[in-house]
Amino acid sequence: MDADLAELSRRLGDALRRCGLTLATAESCTGGWAAQIVTHTAGSSAWFERGFVTYANDAKVGMLGVSETTLARHGAVSPETAAEMAAGALNHSNAMISLAITGIAGPTGGSPDKPVGTVCFAWCRRGGTPETDRQVYPGDREAVRRQAVIHALEGALQRLDA
């Protein structure tokens, strides 16, 4: 793990501990990488509750309760799906805050309105409404996934510091 990701892990752990919150992650295109970063820091079991890797749509529906209607209407890569993933991570865990990542890391799978590099995010606190974001990242598959993980974890940090 590089020093930047290790530092992000430490900062997020410190913020979660300071707030007395635990985190759950719901990931698709990043395949559990955000959870890996969070658990890099020793003692992370105090602030990391669980992670869901829901690569297939069936997994999003079965593990997180994402609506088949949402998937049909908006697609797996959409703010609407990310929001349902974040809410579902809370509904299927004991965590108090969640993040969700769903996107097209490439090298194929893009379309004119959702090109390769499109990633949708959501963050949610228990009892709250998910906040969403959409980014389009340059680079190859690894670069897209790395940028998505950083954005998701930094987004969680911003919401803890607010």
C-alpha atoms as a PDB file:
ATOM      1  CA  MET A   1       0.000   0.000   0.000  1.00  0.00           C
ATOM      2  CA  ASP A   2       1.375   3.391  -0.914  1.00  0.00           C
ATOM      3  CA  ALA A   3       1.906   6.110   1.683  1.00  0.00           C
ATOM      4  CA  ASP A   4      -1.000   8.287   0.450  1.00  0.00           C
ATOM      5  CA  LEU A   5      -3.552   5.494   0.827  1.00  0.00           C
ATOM      6  CA  ALA A   6      -2.115   4.464   4.198  1.00  0.00           C
ATOM      7  CA  GLU A   7      -2.426   8.059   5.406  1.00  0.00           C
ATOM      8  CA  LEU A   8      -6.016   8.250   4.143  1.00  0.00           C
ATOM      9  CA  SER A   9      -6.786   5.051   6.075  1.00  0.00           C
ATOM     10  CA  ARG A  10      -5.322   6.510   9.252  1.00  0.00           C
ATOM     11  CA  ARG A  11      -7.155   9.840   8.887  1.00  0.00           C
ATOM     12  CA  LEU A  12     -10.502   8.171   8.233  1.00  0.00           C
ATOM     13  CA  GLY A  13     -10.026   5.815  11.180  1.00  0.00           C
ATOM     14  CA  ASP A  14      -9.167   8.724  13.460  1.00  0.00           C
ATOM     15  CA  ALA A  15     -12.273  10.644  12.328  1.00  0.00           C
ATOM     16  CA  LEU A  16     -14.589   7.656  12.751  1.00  0.00           C
ATOM     17  CA  ARG A  17     -13.171   6.929  16.203  1.00  0.00           C
ATOM     18  CA  ARG A  18     -13.464  10.607  17.208  1.00  0.00           C
ATOM     19  CA  CYS A  19     -17.139  10.624  16.101  1.00  0.00           C
ATOM     20  CA  GLY A  20     -17.849   7.240  17.687  1.00  0.00           C
ATOM     21  CA  LEU A  21     -19.132   5.859  14.379  1.00  0.00           C
ATOM     22  CA  THR A  22     -18.649   2.651  12.444  1.00  0.00           C
ATOM     23  CA  LEU A  23     -18.503   2.429   8.652  1.00  0.00           C
ATOM     24  CA  ALA A  24     -19.927  -0.009   6.126  1.00  0.00           C
ATOM     25  CA  THR A  25     -18.892   0.015   2.479  1.00  0.00           C
ATOM     26  CA  ALA A  26     -20.872  -1.060  -0.582  1.00  0.00           C
ATOM     27  CA  GLU A  27     -18.659  -1.458  -3.622  1.00  0.00           C
ATOM     28  CA  SER A  28     -19.057  -2.548  -7.196  1.00  0.00           C
ATOM     29  CA  CYS A  29     -16.318  -1.426  -9.624  1.00  0.00           C
ATOM     30  CA  THR A  30     -13.706  -1.106  -6.856  1.00  0.00           C
ATOM     31  CA  GLY A  31     -14.174  -4.724  -5.789  1.00  0.00           C
ATOM     32  CA  GLY A  32     -13.546  -4.175  -2.087  1.00  0.00           C
ATOM     33  CA  TRP A  33     -10.573  -1.843  -2.463  1.00  0.00           C
ATOM     34  CA  ALA A  34     -12.138   0.833  -0.221  1.00  0.00           C
ATOM     35  CA  ALA A  35     -12.644  -1.767   2.524  1.00  0.00           C
ATOM     36  CA  GLN A  36      -9.044  -2.892   2.061  1.00  0.00           C
ATOM     37  CA  ILE A  37      -7.795   0.677   2.569  1.00  0.00           C
ATOM     38  CA  VAL A  38      -9.949   1.213   5.665  1.00  0.00           C
ATOM     39  CA  THR A  39      -8.734  -2.028   7.239  1.00  0.00           C
ATOM     40  CA  HIS A  40      -5.077  -1.280   6.491  1.00  0.00           C
ATOM     41  CA  THR A  41      -4.814   0.609   9.781  1.00  0.00           C
ATOM     42  CA  ALA A  42      -4.355  -1.545  12.865  1.00  0.00           C
ATOM     43  CA  GLY A  43      -7.366  -1.428  15.166  1.00  0.00           C
ATOM     44  CA  SER A  44      -9.799  -0.825  12.308  1.00  0.00           C
ATOM     45  CA  SER A  45     -12.278  -3.287  13.801  1.00  0.00           C
ATOM     46  CA  ALA A  46     -13.186  -0.433  16.167  1.00  0.00           C
ATOM     47  CA  TRP A  47     -14.541   1.669  13.281  1.00  0.00           C
ATOM     48  CA  PHE A  48     -15.123  -0.647  10.312  1.00  0.00           C
ATOM     49  CA  GLU A  49     -18.250  -2.794  10.598  1.00  0.00           C
ATOM     50  CA  ARG A  50     -18.382  -4.592   7.232  1.00  0.00           C
ATOM     51  CA  GLY A  51     -18.054  -4.324   3.486  1.00  0.00           C
ATOM     52  CA  PHE A  52     -20.274  -5.511   0.663  1.00  0.00           C
ATOM     53  CA  VAL A  53     -18.823  -6.290  -2.749  1.00  0.00           C
ATOM     54  CA  THR A  54     -21.816  -6.331  -5.075  1.00  0.00           C
ATOM     55  CA  TYR A  55     -20.373  -6.513  -8.548  1.00  0.00           C
ATOM     56  CA  ALA A  56     -23.393  -8.114 -10.239  1.00  0.00           C
ATOM     57  CA  ASN A  57     -26.839  -6.525 -10.269  1.00  0.00           C
ATOM     58  CA  ASP A  58     -28.272  -9.636  -8.584  1.00  0.00           C
ATOM     59  CA  ALA A  59     -25.867  -9.038  -5.691  1.00  0.00           C
ATOM     60  CA  LYS A  60     -26.937  -5.396  -5.420  1.00  0.00           C
ATOM     61  CA  VAL A  61     -30.556  -6.546  -5.193  1.00  0.00           C
ATOM     62  CA  GLY A  62     -29.971  -9.564  -2.928  1.00  0.00           C
ATOM     63  CA  MET A  63     -27.369  -8.179  -0.536  1.00  0.00           C
ATOM     64  CA  LEU A  64     -28.278  -4.497  -0.394  1.00  0.00           C
ATOM     65  CA  GLY A  65     -31.942  -4.344  -1.405  1.00  0.00           C
ATOM     66  CA  VAL A  66     -31.350  -2.183  -4.478  1.00  0.00           C
ATOM     67  CA  SER A  67     -34.625  -2.001  -6.398  1.00  0.00           C
ATOM     68  CA  GLU A  68     -34.805  -3.835  -9.709  1.00  0.00           C
ATOM     69  CA  THR A  69     -36.869  -0.872 -10.913  1.00  0.00           C
ATOM     70  CA  THR A  70     -34.012   1.509 -10.102  1.00  0.00           C
ATOM     71  CA  LEU A  71     -31.556  -0.707 -11.968  1.00  0.00           C
ATOM     72  CA  ALA A  72     -33.874  -0.964 -14.986  1.00  0.00           C
ATOM     73  CA  ARG A  73     -34.685   2.754 -15.060  1.00  0.00           C
ATOM     74  CA  HIS A  74     -31.273   4.263 -14.211  1.00  0.00           C
ATOM     75  CA  GLY A  75     -28.730   1.449 -14.598  1.00  0.00           C
ATOM     76  CA  ALA A  76     -26.172   0.076 -12.178  1.00  0.00           C
ATOM     77  CA  VAL A  77     -23.975   3.121 -12.703  1.00  0.00           C
ATOM     78  CA  SER A  78     -26.185   5.939 -11.503  1.00  0.00           C
ATOM     79  CA  PRO A  79     -26.530   8.199  -8.478  1.00  0.00           C
ATOM     80  CA  GLU A  80     -29.882   6.529  -7.791  1.00  0.00           C
ATOM     81  CA  THR A  81     -28.302   3.065  -7.562  1.00  0.00           C
ATOM     82  CA  ALA A  82     -25.395   4.377  -5.484  1.00  0.00           C
ATOM     83  CA  ALA A  83     -27.885   5.957  -3.052  1.00  0.00           C
ATOM     84  CA  GLU A  84     -29.770   2.672  -2.676  1.00  0.00           C
ATOM     85  CA  MET A  85     -26.484   0.823  -2.187  1.00  0.00           C
ATOM     86  CA  ALA A  86     -25.451   3.194   0.623  1.00  0.00           C
ATOM     87  CA  ALA A  87     -28.857   2.941   2.293  1.00  0.00           C
ATOM     88  CA  GLY A  88     -28.811  -0.834   1.880  1.00  0.00           C
ATOM     89  CA  ALA A  89     -25.385  -1.110   3.495  1.00  0.00           C
ATOM     90  CA  LEU A  90     -26.844   0.539   6.593  1.00  0.00           C
ATOM     91  CA  ASN A  91     -30.026  -1.538   6.481  1.00  0.00           C
ATOM     92  CA  HIS A  92     -27.972  -4.744   6.353  1.00  0.00           C
ATOM     93  CA  SER A  93     -25.367  -3.846   8.984  1.00  0.00           C
ATOM     94  CA  ASN A  94     -24.918  -2.252  12.373  1.00  0.00           C
ATOM     95  CA  ALA A  95     -22.823   0.608  10.951  1.00  0.00           C
ATOM     96  CA  MET A  96     -23.770   4.222  11.480  1.00  0.00           C
ATOM     97  CA  ILE A  97     -22.349   5.625   8.237  1.00  0.00           C
ATOM     98  CA  SER A  98     -21.874   4.111   4.801  1.00  0.00           C
ATOM     99  CA  LEU A  99     -20.347   4.797   1.435  1.00  0.00           C
ATOM    100  CA  ALA A 100     -21.140   3.284  -1.944  1.00  0.00           C
ATOM    101  CA  ILE A 101     -19.205   3.125  -5.212  1.00  0.00           C
ATOM    102  CA  THR A 102     -20.515   1.931  -8.583  1.00  0.00           C
ATOM    103  CA  GLY A 103     -18.949   2.645 -11.939  1.00  0.00           C
ATOM    104  CA  ILE A 104     -17.402   1.690 -15.247  1.00  0.00           C
ATOM    105  CA  ALA A 105     -13.682   1.125 -14.724  1.00  0.00           C
ATOM    106  CA  GLY A 106     -13.081  -0.125 -18.264  1.00  0.00           C
ATOM    107  CA  PRO A 107     -11.483  -0.781 -20.546  1.00  0.00           C
ATOM    108  CA  THR A 108     -14.895  -1.567 -22.085  1.00  0.00           C
ATOM    109  CA  GLY A 109     -18.506  -1.078 -21.035  1.00  0.00           C
ATOM    110  CA  GLY A 110     -18.932   2.634 -21.571  1.00  0.00           C
ATOM    111  CA  SER A 111     -21.562   4.480 -23.601  1.00  0.00           C
ATOM    112  CA  PRO A 112     -21.891   8.071 -24.855  1.00  0.00           C
ATOM    113  CA  ASP A 113     -23.781   9.179 -21.708  1.00  0.00           C
ATOM    114  CA  LYS A 114     -21.767   6.924 -19.358  1.00  0.00           C
ATOM    115  CA  PRO A 115     -18.229   6.720 -20.743  1.00  0.00           C
ATOM    116  CA  VAL A 116     -15.528   4.510 -19.285  1.00  0.00           C
ATOM    117  CA  GLY A 117     -14.340   6.223 -16.109  1.00  0.00           C
ATOM    118  CA  THR A 118     -17.854   7.179 -14.943  1.00  0.00           C
ATOM    119  CA  VAL A 119     -18.245   6.459 -11.233  1.00  0.00           C
ATOM    120  CA  CYS A 120     -21.210   7.232  -8.979  1.00  0.00           C
ATOM    121  CA  PHE A 121     -20.915   7.586  -5.218  1.00  0.00           C
ATOM    122  CA  ALA A 122     -23.171   7.871  -2.207  1.00  0.00           C
ATOM    123  CA  TRP A 123     -22.644   8.498   1.491  1.00  0.00           C
ATOM    124  CA  CYS A 124     -25.296   8.053   4.137  1.00  0.00           C
ATOM    125  CA  ARG A 125     -25.693   8.295   7.907  1.00  0.00           C
ATOM    126  CA  ARG A 126     -28.158   6.052   9.675  1.00  0.00           C
ATOM    127  CA  GLY A 127     -31.514   7.840   9.688  1.00  0.00           C
ATOM    128  CA  GLY A 128     -30.380  10.269   7.000  1.00  0.00           C
ATOM    129  CA  THR A 129     -30.772  10.718   3.274  1.00  0.00           C
ATOM    130  CA  PRO A 130     -27.940   9.572   0.993  1.00  0.00           C
ATOM    131  CA  GLU A 131     -25.800  12.250  -0.635  1.00  0.00           C
ATOM    132  CA  THR A 132     -24.596  11.384  -4.128  1.00  0.00           C
ATOM    133  CA  ASP A 133     -21.915  12.433  -6.569  1.00  0.00           C
ATOM    134  CA  ARG A 134     -20.868  11.473 -10.097  1.00  0.00           C
ATOM    135  CA  GLN A 135     -17.345  11.752 -11.484  1.00  0.00           C
ATOM    136  CA  VAL A 136     -15.672  10.826 -14.760  1.00  0.00           C
ATOM    137  CA  TYR A 137     -12.035   9.821 -14.288  1.00  0.00           C
ATOM    138  CA  PRO A 138      -9.279   9.597 -16.887  1.00  0.00           C
ATOM    139  CA  GLY A 139      -6.849   6.738 -17.168  1.00  0.00           C
ATOM    140  CA  ASP A 140      -6.822   2.983 -17.308  1.00  0.00           C
ATOM    141  CA  ARG A 141      -8.839   0.576 -15.165  1.00  0.00           C
ATOM    142  CA  GLU A 142      -6.429   0.759 -12.224  1.00  0.00           C
ATOM    143  CA  ALA A 143      -6.323   4.564 -12.316  1.00  0.00           C
ATOM    144  CA  VAL A 144     -10.131   4.861 -12.409  1.00  0.00           C
ATOM    145  CA  ARG A 145     -10.546   2.460  -9.503  1.00  0.00           C
ATOM    146  CA  ARG A 146      -7.838   4.167  -7.408  1.00  0.00           C
ATOM    147  CA  GLN A 147      -9.324   7.636  -7.971  1.00  0.00           C
ATOM    148  CA  ALA A 148     -12.784   6.294  -7.072  1.00  0.00           C
ATOM    149  CA  VAL A 149     -11.564   4.783  -3.797  1.00  0.00           C
ATOM    150  CA  ILE A 150      -9.812   7.999  -2.818  1.00  0.00           C
ATOM    151  CA  HIS A 151     -12.872  10.105  -3.663  1.00  0.00           C
ATOM    152  CA  ALA A 152     -15.199   7.825  -1.700  1.00  0.00           C
ATOM    153  CA  LEU A 153     -13.003   7.777   1.407  1.00  0.00           C
ATOM    154  CA  GLU A 154     -12.293  11.514   1.253  1.00  0.00           C
ATOM    155  CA  GLY A 155     -16.032  12.088   0.849  1.00  0.00           C
ATOM    156  CA  ALA A 156     -16.659  10.104   4.017  1.00  0.00           C
ATOM    157  CA  LEU A 157     -14.004  12.167   5.810  1.00  0.00           C
ATOM    158  CA  GLN A 158     -15.613  15.442   4.685  1.00  0.00           C
ATOM    159  CA  ARG A 159     -18.983  14.299   6.003  1.00  0.00           C
ATOM    160  CA  LEU A 160     -17.463  13.361   9.352  1.00  0.00           C
ATOM    161  CA  ASP A 161     -15.670  16.691   9.693  1.00  0.00           C
ATOM    162  CA  ALA A 162     -18.779  18.712   8.778  1.00  0.00           C
END
